[in-house]
Amino acid sequence: QGQLVESGGGLVQAGGSLRLSCAASGSIFSFNAMGWHRQAPGKQREFLCAITSGGSSNCVDSVKGRFTISRDNANYRVYLQMNNLKPEDTAVYYCTAVSHFGEWDYWGQGTQVTVSP
C-alpha cells in the first residue's frame, strides 16, 4: 500500500511564502504522476498542481505564477512552493498521486495552511 506524508504547513501572513513537502513511498513515486490538492472550509477539494514522473508540470490558473510544484526523484519527495500567499489560500493541503486507474486515488493526511490578512 502506498503512503504519502505531508509536512511544512503553518501560519503565515499575506504575501508570505511556504514550502510544502511530501514524502512518498517508492511504490507510488516511481511510476505515478504526483500532485497537490486543497480543501478550504466549507468548500470542495480543489486540484492545484501536478507533475509527471518525467517532470512535466502544470497548475491551475488561480495559483499559476504563485505556486510551483517540483519533485526530487532521488529522495521520493514532491514539493509545493507557495509564494505571495493570500487569505483565500487558507486550506488543508493534500499530497496526491495517480493510481493505475488514472485517478487521484492516493491521498496524504493533509497539512493545514493558514494565511492571515
Protein backbone atom coordinates (compact mmCIF):
# COMPACT_ATOMS: atom_id res chain seq x y z
CA GLN A 1 0.00 0.00 0.00
CA GLY A 2 1.39 3.37 -0.97
CA GLN A 3 1.91 6.15 1.51
CA LEU A 4 2.07 9.92 1.32
CA VAL A 5 3.10 12.14 4.24
CA GLU A 6 2.92 15.92 4.04
CA SER A 7 4.78 18.50 6.09
CA GLY A 8 5.52 22.21 6.03
CA GLY A 9 2.14 23.77 6.68
CA GLY A 10 1.62 26.54 9.18
CA LEU A 11 0.53 30.12 9.78
CA VAL A 12 1.85 32.87 7.54
CA GLN A 13 0.92 36.47 6.83
CA ALA A 14 -0.49 37.50 3.49
CA GLY A 15 2.29 37.99 0.97
CA GLY A 16 4.46 35.40 2.65
CA SER A 17 5.74 32.05 1.42
CA LEU A 18 5.64 28.42 2.48
CA ARG A 19 7.07 25.25 1.03
CA LEU A 20 5.13 22.06 1.49
CA SER A 21 6.90 18.74 1.31
CA CYS A 22 5.54 15.28 0.63
CA ALA A 23 7.40 12.06 1.33
CA ALA A 24 6.13 9.25 -0.87
CA SER A 25 6.71 5.53 -0.79
CA GLY A 26 8.73 4.27 -3.70
CA SER A 27 5.88 2.15 -4.99
CA ILE A 28 3.87 5.30 -5.68
CA PHE A 29 6.55 7.76 -6.58
CA SER A 30 8.45 5.87 -9.21
CA PHE A 31 5.63 5.30 -11.66
CA ASN A 32 2.93 7.81 -10.93
CA ALA A 33 2.06 11.41 -11.54
CA MET A 34 2.06 13.35 -8.26
CA GLY A 35 0.02 16.37 -7.30
CA TRP A 36 -1.33 18.74 -4.71
CA HIS A 37 -4.96 19.42 -3.90
CA ARG A 38 -6.51 21.56 -1.18
CA GLN A 39 -9.78 21.90 0.68
CA ALA A 40 -10.88 25.17 2.19
CA PRO A 41 -13.51 25.32 4.95
CA GLY A 42 -16.96 24.74 3.53
CA LYS A 43 -15.65 24.08 0.03
CA GLN A 44 -14.95 21.04 -2.13
CA ARG A 45 -11.49 19.70 -2.65
CA GLU A 46 -9.67 21.56 -5.40
CA PHE A 47 -6.89 20.39 -7.70
CA LEU A 48 -3.87 22.71 -7.69
CA CYS A 49 -0.83 21.32 -9.47
CA ALA A 50 0.52 18.08 -10.91
CA ILE A 51 3.86 16.76 -12.06
CA THR A 52 4.54 13.65 -14.10
CA SER A 53 7.24 11.09 -13.49
CA GLY A 54 9.12 12.74 -16.35
CA GLY A 55 8.93 16.17 -14.72
CA SER A 56 6.27 17.91 -16.80
CA SER A 57 4.10 20.07 -14.57
CA ASN A 58 1.06 22.29 -14.62
CA CYS A 59 -1.01 24.30 -12.17
CA VAL A 60 -4.49 25.75 -12.27
CA ASP A 61 -4.79 29.37 -13.31
CA SER A 62 -5.76 30.56 -9.84
CA VAL A 63 -2.30 29.69 -8.46
CA LYS A 64 -0.18 29.80 -11.61
CA GLY A 65 2.70 32.18 -11.15
CA ARG A 66 2.50 31.89 -7.35
CA PHE A 67 2.71 28.11 -6.76
CA THR A 68 5.35 25.79 -8.18
CA ILE A 69 5.40 22.00 -7.97
CA SER A 70 8.65 20.06 -8.14
CA ARG A 71 9.92 16.59 -7.37
CA ASP A 72 13.12 15.05 -6.06
CA ASN A 73 13.34 11.66 -7.69
CA ALA A 74 16.32 10.54 -5.64
CA ASN A 75 14.51 11.03 -2.34
CA TYR A 76 10.91 10.26 -3.34
CA ARG A 77 9.72 13.74 -2.47
CA VAL A 78 7.34 16.24 -4.02
CA TYR A 79 7.26 19.91 -3.10
CA LEU A 80 4.84 22.78 -3.45
CA GLN A 81 6.47 26.20 -3.24
CA MET A 82 3.82 28.80 -2.46
CA ASN A 83 4.63 32.49 -2.81
CA ASN A 84 2.59 35.65 -2.37
CA LEU A 85 0.07 33.78 -0.26
CA LYS A 86 -3.41 35.22 0.16
CA PRO A 87 -6.02 34.69 2.90
CA GLU A 88 -8.11 32.74 0.38
CA ASP A 89 -5.29 30.19 0.15
CA THR A 90 -6.18 29.07 3.69
CA ALA A 91 -6.98 25.36 3.44
CA VAL A 92 -5.84 21.86 4.21
CA TYR A 93 -3.33 20.88 1.55
CA TYR A 94 -3.05 17.29 0.39
CA CYS A 95 -0.31 15.47 -1.42
CA THR A 96 -1.84 13.15 -4.01
CA ALA A 97 -0.85 10.56 -6.58
CA VAL A 98 -2.48 8.96 -9.57
CA SER A 99 -3.22 5.24 -9.35
CA HIS A 100 -3.04 2.75 -12.18
CA PHE A 101 -6.73 3.51 -12.74
CA GLY A 102 -5.74 7.00 -13.81
CA GLU A 103 -7.44 8.73 -10.88
CA TRP A 104 -6.17 10.69 -7.85
CA ASP A 105 -6.61 7.66 -5.62
CA TYR A 106 -3.72 8.19 -3.21
CA TRP A 107 -4.03 10.94 -0.59
CA GLY A 108 -1.92 12.03 2.34
CA GLN A 109 -3.36 13.05 5.69
CA GLY A 110 -3.16 16.76 4.82
CA THR A 111 -1.35 19.75 6.29
CA GLN A 112 -3.03 22.97 7.38
CA VAL A 113 -2.04 26.26 5.78
CA THR A 114 -3.46 29.42 7.33
CA VAL A 115 -2.85 32.83 5.78
CA SER A 116 -3.66 35.83 7.94
CA PRO A 117 -4.63 39.20 6.41
